[in-house]
C-alpha cells in the first residue's frame, strides 16, 4: 500500500504544503497521500490556456475539464483548492517561446520551460506567500536530502522518470520542492488512487503537450510565428535539391518521417537553416554528432572536467556515455560523447547524470562533427 514517509520528504505532520494540482491522477494522489499523512495541504491549479469547460464558454478544450477534475479531487479529499489565472504568463513564457524556437530552427521542450518559468518560480512564490514549507508536485523524480542542500535523483520507476524535465531546477527551488511519487511506479499510483476513491482514479494519462491537445503543434507555430511556415527547399548534403517543404517549423533534427522525398537510401533531417528556410537532409552518418555546446547551464552537482558521465540529449532517447570536455564560461560548457550520436537537436536539453543522480545540464546551442566514424553508443538506461 502506497503511503507517504514524511521524514524522507523532510516534512512534519501539521506543516502546510501546497500541491500543484493539474487535474491528473499523479498530482491528485500526491495531494491525497500528503493529506493522509497529516500535512496541511492546499491545492492550487493554474489556468494556463483556454479553460472553456470551466467557464461555460464555447470552443472549450481539455484545460477546463482538468480544472474541474482538480476541484473535484480537492473536495473529495477535503482540502482547500484555488485556481490561479496564469494564462498571460504562460503564453509569454512558454507558448510564445515554443513557437519562436521552431521558427529559429530549434526543437523546444515546453515542459522544462513551464517548470523553470512558471511552476518553480511563480507558483513557488505563491506557496511561500501562503506560509507553506514546501511545494509538492506529481513528478516522478527523487529529491534526496534534508531541507537544504538536497540532490535530485532519477525516479525508481525508470519508465516514468521525469528528472530530465527538472534539470533547470535551481538548488534554492529544489530545497523547497517535494516529489512524493518518486519512489512509486505508475501501478502503485493507480492503486493508491483507487484506495483513496479519487474521482480521477481511472482518468487516462495525457500523451500530448498540454496546450496542443490535438497533437498538431504546427497550427500554433504557424499562428504565432508565421515565418516558420515559409516554403523552402529540401537540400541533400551533396547539394542537390530533392524537393520543397511547407515550413521548417514542421521539422526537427533527426527526423525521418514526413520528408516526402524519394532517394535510394533512408534520409534524415541533419540541419535546419531558419534564415534561408532550408531543410538539409542526408544519410544517418551525415547527422552524427561527436560533441555539443550547452548554454544556460544549471548545476546541482558540478562534474569535473574529463569525468565520465551519462548524457541524455533527448527525453525519448537513452542516456549514453560521455564527458565534460571543458567549461567555456559560467553558464556554458562543452560535452563530448564517447561515441557519435544521431538526432542531437539544438533547442533540446543535454542532461548529465552520475549514476542515478542528476548533476545538471543546459540547452543545446550547437553541435560538432565526430572526428571519425564510430559504432553506435551503448545505452545506459532510460
Protein backbone atom coordinates (compact mmCIF):
# COMPACT_ATOMS: atom_id res chain seq x y z
CA UNK A 1 0.00 0.00 0.00
CA UNK A 2 1.43 3.36 -1.04
CA UNK A 3 1.97 5.71 1.87
CA UNK A 4 3.97 8.87 2.41
CA UNK A 5 7.04 8.81 4.68
CA UNK A 6 7.18 12.44 5.75
CA UNK A 7 10.64 12.05 7.27
CA UNK A 8 12.09 11.05 3.89
CA UNK A 9 10.44 14.14 2.39
CA UNK A 10 11.89 16.36 5.15
CA UNK A 11 8.36 17.26 6.27
CA UNK A 12 6.44 17.01 9.54
CA UNK A 13 2.74 16.45 10.32
CA UNK A 14 0.78 19.69 10.51
CA UNK A 15 3.09 21.62 8.19
CA UNK A 16 1.48 23.37 5.27
CA UNK A 17 2.30 22.02 1.81
CA UNK A 18 0.97 23.49 -1.43
CA UNK A 19 0.32 20.86 -4.11
CA UNK A 20 0.29 21.79 -7.80
CA UNK A 21 -2.87 20.01 -8.96
CA UNK A 22 -3.07 19.58 -12.73
CA UNK A 23 -6.28 17.56 -12.76
CA UNK A 24 -4.47 14.30 -13.43
CA UNK A 25 -4.08 11.22 -11.27
CA UNK A 26 -0.43 11.85 -10.28
CA UNK A 27 -0.98 15.23 -8.64
CA UNK A 28 -4.26 14.01 -7.14
CA UNK A 29 -2.51 11.10 -5.41
CA UNK A 30 0.25 13.45 -4.27
CA UNK A 31 -2.27 15.71 -2.55
CA UNK A 32 -4.26 12.83 -1.07
CA UNK A 33 -1.25 10.97 0.36
CA UNK A 34 0.19 14.12 1.93
CA UNK A 35 -3.20 14.90 3.48
CA UNK A 36 -3.47 11.32 4.74
CA UNK A 37 0.00 11.65 6.32
CA UNK A 38 -1.15 14.66 8.32
CA UNK A 39 0.07 17.65 6.32
CA UNK A 40 -1.98 20.82 5.99
CA UNK A 41 -2.48 20.54 2.23
CA UNK A 42 -3.60 23.37 -0.06
CA UNK A 43 -4.30 22.53 -3.69
CA UNK A 44 -3.60 25.05 -6.44
CA UNK A 45 -4.45 24.63 -10.12
CA UNK A 46 -3.05 27.01 -12.68
CA UNK A 47 -5.29 28.13 -15.50
CA UNK A 48 -2.69 28.23 -18.27
CA UNK A 49 -4.67 28.23 -21.51
CA UNK A 50 -8.26 28.03 -22.81
CA UNK A 51 -10.45 26.84 -19.95
CA UNK A 52 -13.82 26.95 -21.70
CA UNK A 53 -15.36 23.98 -19.92
CA UNK A 54 -14.77 25.57 -16.54
CA UNK A 55 -16.41 28.83 -17.55
CA UNK A 56 -19.10 27.53 -19.87
CA UNK A 57 -17.57 29.16 -22.93
CA UNK A 58 -17.92 27.59 -26.34
CA UNK A 59 -14.84 26.14 -28.02
CA UNK A 60 -13.64 24.59 -24.81
CA UNK A 61 -10.53 22.44 -24.66
CA UNK A 62 -9.35 19.86 -22.14
CA UNK A 63 -7.92 22.54 -19.84
CA UNK A 64 -11.37 23.33 -18.45
CA UNK A 65 -12.09 19.72 -17.59
CA UNK A 66 -8.72 19.43 -15.88
CA UNK A 67 -9.65 22.33 -13.61
CA UNK A 68 -12.99 20.72 -12.81
CA UNK A 69 -11.27 17.39 -12.08
CA UNK A 70 -8.75 19.03 -9.73
CA UNK A 71 -11.56 20.79 -7.87
CA UNK A 72 -13.49 17.54 -7.52
CA UNK A 73 -10.42 15.77 -6.14
CA UNK A 74 -9.85 18.55 -3.60
CA UNK A 75 -13.49 18.30 -2.49
CA UNK A 76 -13.19 14.52 -2.15
CA UNK A 77 -10.03 14.83 -0.04
CA UNK A 78 -11.39 17.72 1.99
CA UNK A 79 -8.70 20.31 1.28
CA UNK A 80 -8.94 23.93 0.12
CA UNK A 81 -8.44 24.46 -3.61
CA UNK A 82 -7.68 27.59 -5.59
CA UNK A 83 -7.46 28.32 -9.32
CA UNK A 84 -4.96 30.99 -10.33
CA UNK A 85 -5.08 32.72 -13.70
CA UNK A 86 -1.58 32.37 -15.16
CA UNK A 87 -2.73 32.37 -18.78
CA UNK A 88 -0.88 35.56 -19.80
CA UNK A 89 2.33 34.48 -18.06
CA UNK A 90 2.15 31.00 -19.59
CA UNK A 91 1.66 32.36 -23.10
CA UNK A 92 4.62 34.72 -22.83
CA UNK A 93 6.99 32.33 -21.03
CA UNK A 94 6.09 29.01 -22.67
CA UNK A 95 3.80 29.14 -25.71
CA UNK A 96 5.47 32.09 -27.45
CA UNK A 97 8.90 30.63 -26.69
CA UNK A 98 7.72 27.30 -28.15
CA UNK A 99 6.65 28.91 -31.45
CA UNK A 100 9.68 31.18 -31.79
CA UNK A 101 12.04 28.27 -31.15
CA UNK A 102 10.60 26.32 -34.08
CA UNK A 103 10.85 29.45 -36.22
CA UNK A 104 14.55 29.62 -35.35
CA UNK A 105 15.12 26.02 -36.43
CA UNK A 106 15.29 24.72 -32.86
CA UNK A 107 13.33 21.96 -31.13
CA UNK A 108 11.87 23.25 -27.83
CA UNK A 109 10.86 21.43 -24.65
CA UNK A 110 7.85 23.33 -23.26
CA UNK A 111 7.59 21.16 -20.13
CA UNK A 112 11.04 22.33 -18.97
CA UNK A 113 10.15 25.96 -19.66
CA UNK A 114 6.93 25.56 -17.68
CA UNK A 115 8.77 24.11 -14.70
CA UNK A 116 11.52 26.70 -14.97
CA UNK A 117 9.43 29.83 -15.53
CA UNK A 118 6.01 29.08 -14.08
CA UNK A 119 5.75 26.21 -11.56
CA UNK A 120 9.10 26.53 -9.80
CA UNK A 121 9.26 30.30 -9.99
CA UNK A 122 5.83 31.95 -9.89
CA UNK A 123 3.87 29.15 -8.21
CA UNK A 124 6.68 28.53 -5.76
CA UNK A 125 6.47 32.17 -4.63
CA UNK A 126 2.70 31.83 -4.20
CA UNK A 127 3.31 28.79 -1.99
CA UNK A 128 5.73 30.76 0.17
CA UNK A 129 3.25 33.63 0.42
CA UNK A 130 0.66 31.15 1.73
CA UNK A 131 3.02 30.13 4.52
CA UNK A 132 3.84 26.71 3.08
CA UNK A 133 7.09 24.96 3.92
CA UNK A 134 7.10 23.14 0.57
CA UNK A 135 5.58 22.91 -2.90
CA UNK A 136 4.77 19.34 -3.95
CA UNK A 137 4.19 18.09 -7.49
CA UNK A 138 3.32 14.79 -9.13
CA UNK A 139 6.62 14.46 -10.97
CA UNK A 140 8.34 11.09 -10.95
CA UNK A 141 11.77 12.05 -9.59
CA UNK A 142 13.52 11.70 -6.25
CA UNK A 143 14.67 14.53 -4.05
CA UNK A 144 17.31 13.19 -1.66
CA UNK A 145 18.41 15.11 1.41
CA UNK A 146 17.16 17.42 4.14
CA UNK A 147 15.54 20.81 3.92
CA UNK A 148 18.65 22.38 2.42
CA UNK A 149 21.27 21.13 0.01
CA UNK A 150 19.07 18.39 -1.43
CA UNK A 151 20.03 16.38 -4.52
CA UNK A 152 17.90 15.33 -7.48
CA UNK A 153 17.84 11.66 -8.50
CA UNK A 154 16.07 9.58 -11.10
CA UNK A 155 12.71 8.06 -10.13
CA UNK A 156 12.74 4.42 -9.05
CA UNK A 157 10.46 3.61 -11.99
CA UNK A 158 12.82 4.14 -14.95
CA UNK A 159 9.91 4.11 -17.41
CA UNK A 160 8.24 7.05 -15.66
CA UNK A 161 11.35 9.02 -14.69
CA UNK A 162 10.85 12.75 -15.32
CA UNK A 163 14.09 14.08 -13.87
CA UNK A 164 15.20 15.18 -17.37
CA UNK A 165 12.43 17.80 -17.35
CA UNK A 166 13.64 19.11 -13.99
CA UNK A 167 17.28 19.79 -14.87
CA UNK A 168 16.78 23.58 -14.71
CA UNK A 169 15.55 23.43 -11.10
CA UNK A 170 17.92 25.56 -9.01
CA UNK A 171 19.27 24.49 -5.63
CA UNK A 172 17.08 27.03 -3.85
CA UNK A 173 14.00 25.73 -5.66
CA UNK A 174 14.91 22.09 -5.04
CA UNK A 175 15.23 22.77 -1.32
CA UNK A 176 11.58 23.90 -1.32
CA UNK A 177 10.06 21.39 -3.77
CA UNK A 178 8.99 17.82 -2.97
CA UNK A 179 8.27 14.84 -5.27
CA UNK A 180 6.30 12.31 -3.18
CA UNK A 181 5.79 9.89 -6.08
CA UNK A 182 9.49 9.46 -6.87
CA UNK A 183 9.67 6.10 -5.13
CA UNK A 184 6.49 4.69 -6.72
CA UNK A 185 5.65 3.21 -10.08
CA UNK A 186 2.52 4.07 -12.03
CA UNK A 187 0.74 0.87 -10.96
CA UNK A 188 1.19 1.79 -7.30
CA UNK A 189 -0.09 5.30 -8.01
CA UNK A 190 -3.22 3.94 -9.67
CA UNK A 191 -3.80 1.54 -6.78
CA UNK A 192 -3.47 4.42 -4.32
CA UNK A 193 -5.95 6.50 -6.34
CA UNK A 194 -8.49 3.66 -6.20
CA UNK A 195 -7.93 3.04 -2.48
CA UNK A 196 -8.48 6.72 -1.75
CA UNK A 197 -11.58 6.78 -4.03
CA UNK A 198 -10.28 9.71 -6.03
CA UNK A 199 -12.57 10.85 -8.87
CA UNK A 200 -9.68 10.70 -11.36
CA UNK A 201 -8.54 7.17 -10.45
CA UNK A 202 -9.36 5.89 -13.93
CA UNK A 203 -8.57 9.06 -15.85
CA UNK A 204 -6.37 8.33 -18.92
CA UNK A 205 -2.86 9.71 -18.95
CA UNK A 206 -2.27 12.59 -21.34
CA UNK A 207 0.35 11.93 -24.02
CA UNK A 208 0.25 15.34 -25.70
CA UNK A 209 1.72 18.76 -25.00
CA UNK A 210 -0.83 20.31 -22.63
CA UNK A 211 -1.63 23.30 -24.85
CA UNK A 212 -1.70 21.17 -28.01
CA UNK A 213 -4.31 18.52 -27.07
CA UNK A 214 -4.85 17.53 -30.71
CA UNK A 215 -1.14 16.88 -31.25
CA UNK A 216 -0.99 19.31 -34.21
CA UNK A 217 1.62 21.71 -32.82
CA UNK A 218 2.27 23.21 -36.29
CA UNK A 219 -1.07 25.04 -36.08
CA UNK A 220 0.11 27.02 -33.04
CA UNK A 221 3.55 27.61 -34.53
CA UNK A 222 2.03 28.85 -37.79
CA UNK A 223 -0.29 31.26 -35.99
CA UNK A 224 2.29 32.73 -33.60
CA UNK A 225 5.38 32.54 -35.83
CA UNK A 226 4.23 32.61 -39.50
CA UNK A 227 7.81 32.77 -40.79
CA UNK A 228 8.27 29.22 -39.52
CA UNK A 229 5.82 28.11 -42.20
CA UNK A 230 7.53 29.69 -45.20
CA UNK A 231 8.03 27.28 -48.05
CA UNK A 232 11.61 26.37 -48.84
CA UNK A 233 13.97 23.85 -50.35
CA UNK A 234 14.88 20.40 -49.12
CA UNK A 235 18.57 20.01 -49.94
CA UNK A 236 20.65 16.85 -49.82
CA UNK A 237 24.02 17.24 -48.09
CA UNK A 238 25.62 16.74 -51.52
CA UNK A 239 23.93 19.94 -52.74
CA UNK A 240 21.04 18.51 -54.74
CA UNK A 241 17.55 19.86 -54.25
CA UNK A 242 15.24 16.96 -53.60
CA UNK A 243 12.00 18.81 -53.09
CA UNK A 244 10.17 21.58 -51.29
CA UNK A 245 8.80 21.78 -47.76
CA UNK A 246 5.92 23.71 -46.19
CA UNK A 247 7.89 25.27 -43.31
CA UNK A 248 10.90 24.44 -41.13
CA UNK A 249 8.56 24.60 -38.15
CA UNK A 250 7.38 21.14 -39.16
CA UNK A 251 10.83 19.55 -38.80
CA UNK A 252 13.40 18.63 -36.18
CA UNK A 253 16.96 17.37 -36.49
CA UNK A 254 16.98 13.57 -36.63
CA UNK A 255 13.52 13.34 -38.18
CA UNK A 256 12.98 10.65 -40.81
CA UNK A 257 9.23 10.53 -41.42
CA UNK A 258 7.32 13.16 -43.33
CA UNK A 259 10.11 14.32 -45.64
CA UNK A 260 8.14 13.32 -48.75
CA UNK A 261 11.24 12.98 -50.91
CA UNK A 262 12.44 9.85 -52.68
CA UNK A 263 16.04 8.64 -52.57
CA UNK A 264 17.83 5.31 -52.76
CA UNK A 265 18.53 5.24 -49.01
CA UNK A 266 16.77 6.42 -45.83
CA UNK A 267 17.14 10.16 -45.30
CA UNK A 268 17.14 12.13 -42.07
CA UNK A 269 16.98 15.83 -41.25
CA UNK A 270 20.57 16.77 -40.43
CA UNK A 271 20.22 20.55 -40.22
CA UNK A 272 17.76 23.45 -40.40
CA UNK A 273 18.60 26.86 -41.86
CA UNK A 274 15.99 29.24 -40.46
CA UNK A 275 17.24 32.29 -42.36
CA UNK A 276 17.06 30.63 -45.76
CA UNK A 277 14.18 28.30 -44.86
CA UNK A 278 16.21 25.27 -45.95
CA UNK A 279 15.87 21.73 -44.61
CA UNK A 280 19.12 19.80 -45.03
CA UNK A 281 18.80 16.02 -45.29
CA UNK A 282 21.21 13.13 -45.70
CA UNK A 283 22.02 9.59 -44.60
CA UNK A 284 22.21 8.84 -40.90
CA UNK A 285 26.00 9.15 -40.88
CA UNK A 286 25.75 12.75 -42.10
CA UNK A 287 23.91 13.74 -38.95
CA UNK A 288 26.20 12.13 -36.38
CA UNK A 289 27.43 14.38 -33.59
CA UNK A 290 30.65 13.98 -31.64
CA UNK A 291 30.11 16.77 -29.14
CA UNK A 292 27.96 19.75 -28.31
CA UNK A 293 27.90 23.10 -26.55
CA UNK A 294 25.25 23.76 -23.92
CA UNK A 295 24.24 27.18 -22.60
CA UNK A 296 22.21 28.48 -19.64
CA UNK A 297 23.63 25.64 -17.59
CA UNK A 298 22.22 24.77 -14.19
CA UNK A 299 24.35 22.72 -11.82
CA UNK A 300 23.15 20.77 -8.79
CA UNK A 301 26.46 18.92 -8.57
CA UNK A 302 29.14 20.25 -10.89
CA UNK A 303 31.16 17.47 -12.60
CA UNK A 304 34.90 17.62 -13.07
CA UNK A 305 36.42 18.19 -16.48
CA UNK A 306 37.02 14.81 -18.09
CA UNK A 307 34.70 12.97 -15.71
CA UNK A 308 32.83 10.11 -17.39
CA UNK A 309 29.10 10.72 -17.21
CA UNK A 310 25.76 9.60 -18.59
CA UNK A 311 24.41 12.21 -21.01
CA UNK A 312 20.76 12.31 -22.03
CA UNK A 313 20.31 14.60 -25.04
CA UNK A 314 16.63 13.91 -25.67
CA UNK A 315 13.84 12.74 -23.37
CA UNK A 316 12.88 9.75 -25.51
CA UNK A 317 16.48 8.64 -26.07
CA UNK A 318 18.52 6.58 -23.59
CA UNK A 319 21.45 8.20 -21.83
CA UNK A 320 24.86 7.48 -23.35
CA UNK A 321 28.40 7.83 -22.07
CA UNK A 322 30.41 10.99 -22.46
CA UNK A 323 32.32 13.60 -20.53
CA UNK A 324 32.52 17.26 -19.73
CA UNK A 325 35.15 18.30 -22.25
CA UNK A 326 35.63 21.80 -20.90
CA UNK A 327 33.69 24.56 -19.19
CA UNK A 328 33.67 27.57 -21.52
CA UNK A 329 32.08 30.04 -19.13
CA UNK A 330 29.90 30.33 -16.07
CA UNK A 331 26.76 29.11 -17.77
CA UNK A 332 28.27 27.41 -20.83
CA UNK A 333 30.02 24.07 -21.24
CA UNK A 334 31.19 21.70 -23.97
CA UNK A 335 30.36 18.00 -23.83
CA UNK A 336 31.92 15.14 -25.78
CA UNK A 337 30.27 11.80 -26.49
CA UNK A 338 32.35 8.64 -26.19
CA UNK A 339 30.79 7.55 -29.49
CA UNK A 340 28.95 9.58 -32.16
CA UNK A 341 25.24 10.24 -31.66
CA UNK A 342 22.39 10.80 -34.11
CA UNK A 343 19.46 13.18 -33.74
CA UNK A 344 21.13 15.74 -31.46
CA UNK A 345 18.96 18.82 -31.92
CA UNK A 346 19.64 22.44 -30.94
CA UNK A 347 16.94 23.61 -28.55
CA UNK A 348 16.74 20.31 -26.72
CA UNK A 349 18.45 19.79 -23.35
CA UNK A 350 21.56 17.79 -22.56
CA UNK A 351 21.28 16.49 -19.00
CA UNK A 352 24.18 14.93 -17.10
CA UNK A 353 23.97 12.08 -14.58
CA UNK A 354 26.45 10.38 -12.29
CA UNK A 355 24.74 7.06 -11.73
CA UNK A 356 21.19 7.89 -10.65
CA UNK A 357 21.98 11.44 -9.55
CA UNK A 358 21.26 14.38 -11.83
CA UNK A 359 24.23 16.75 -11.82
CA UNK A 360 22.79 19.41 -14.10
CA UNK A 361 22.55 20.30 -17.75
CA UNK A 362 21.88 23.00 -20.28
CA UNK A 363 20.26 23.86 -23.60
CA UNK A 364 21.93 22.50 -26.73
CA UNK A 365 23.23 25.51 -28.63
CA UNK A 366 25.35 23.86 -31.32
CA UNK A 367 26.88 20.53 -32.22
CA UNK A 368 30.20 19.38 -33.62
CA UNK A 369 31.01 16.55 -36.03
CA UNK A 370 32.77 13.41 -34.77
CA UNK A 371 36.44 13.10 -35.58
CA UNK A 372 35.91 9.65 -37.07
CA UNK A 373 33.07 7.26 -37.77
CA UNK A 374 32.40 5.01 -34.78
CA UNK A 375 29.93 2.39 -33.66
CA UNK A 376 26.63 3.38 -32.03
CA UNK A 377 26.81 4.29 -28.35
CA UNK A 378 25.80 1.85 -25.66
CA UNK A 379 22.61 2.81 -23.81
CA UNK A 380 22.86 3.43 -20.07
CA UNK A 381 19.15 3.26 -19.31
CA UNK A 382 16.01 5.27 -19.84
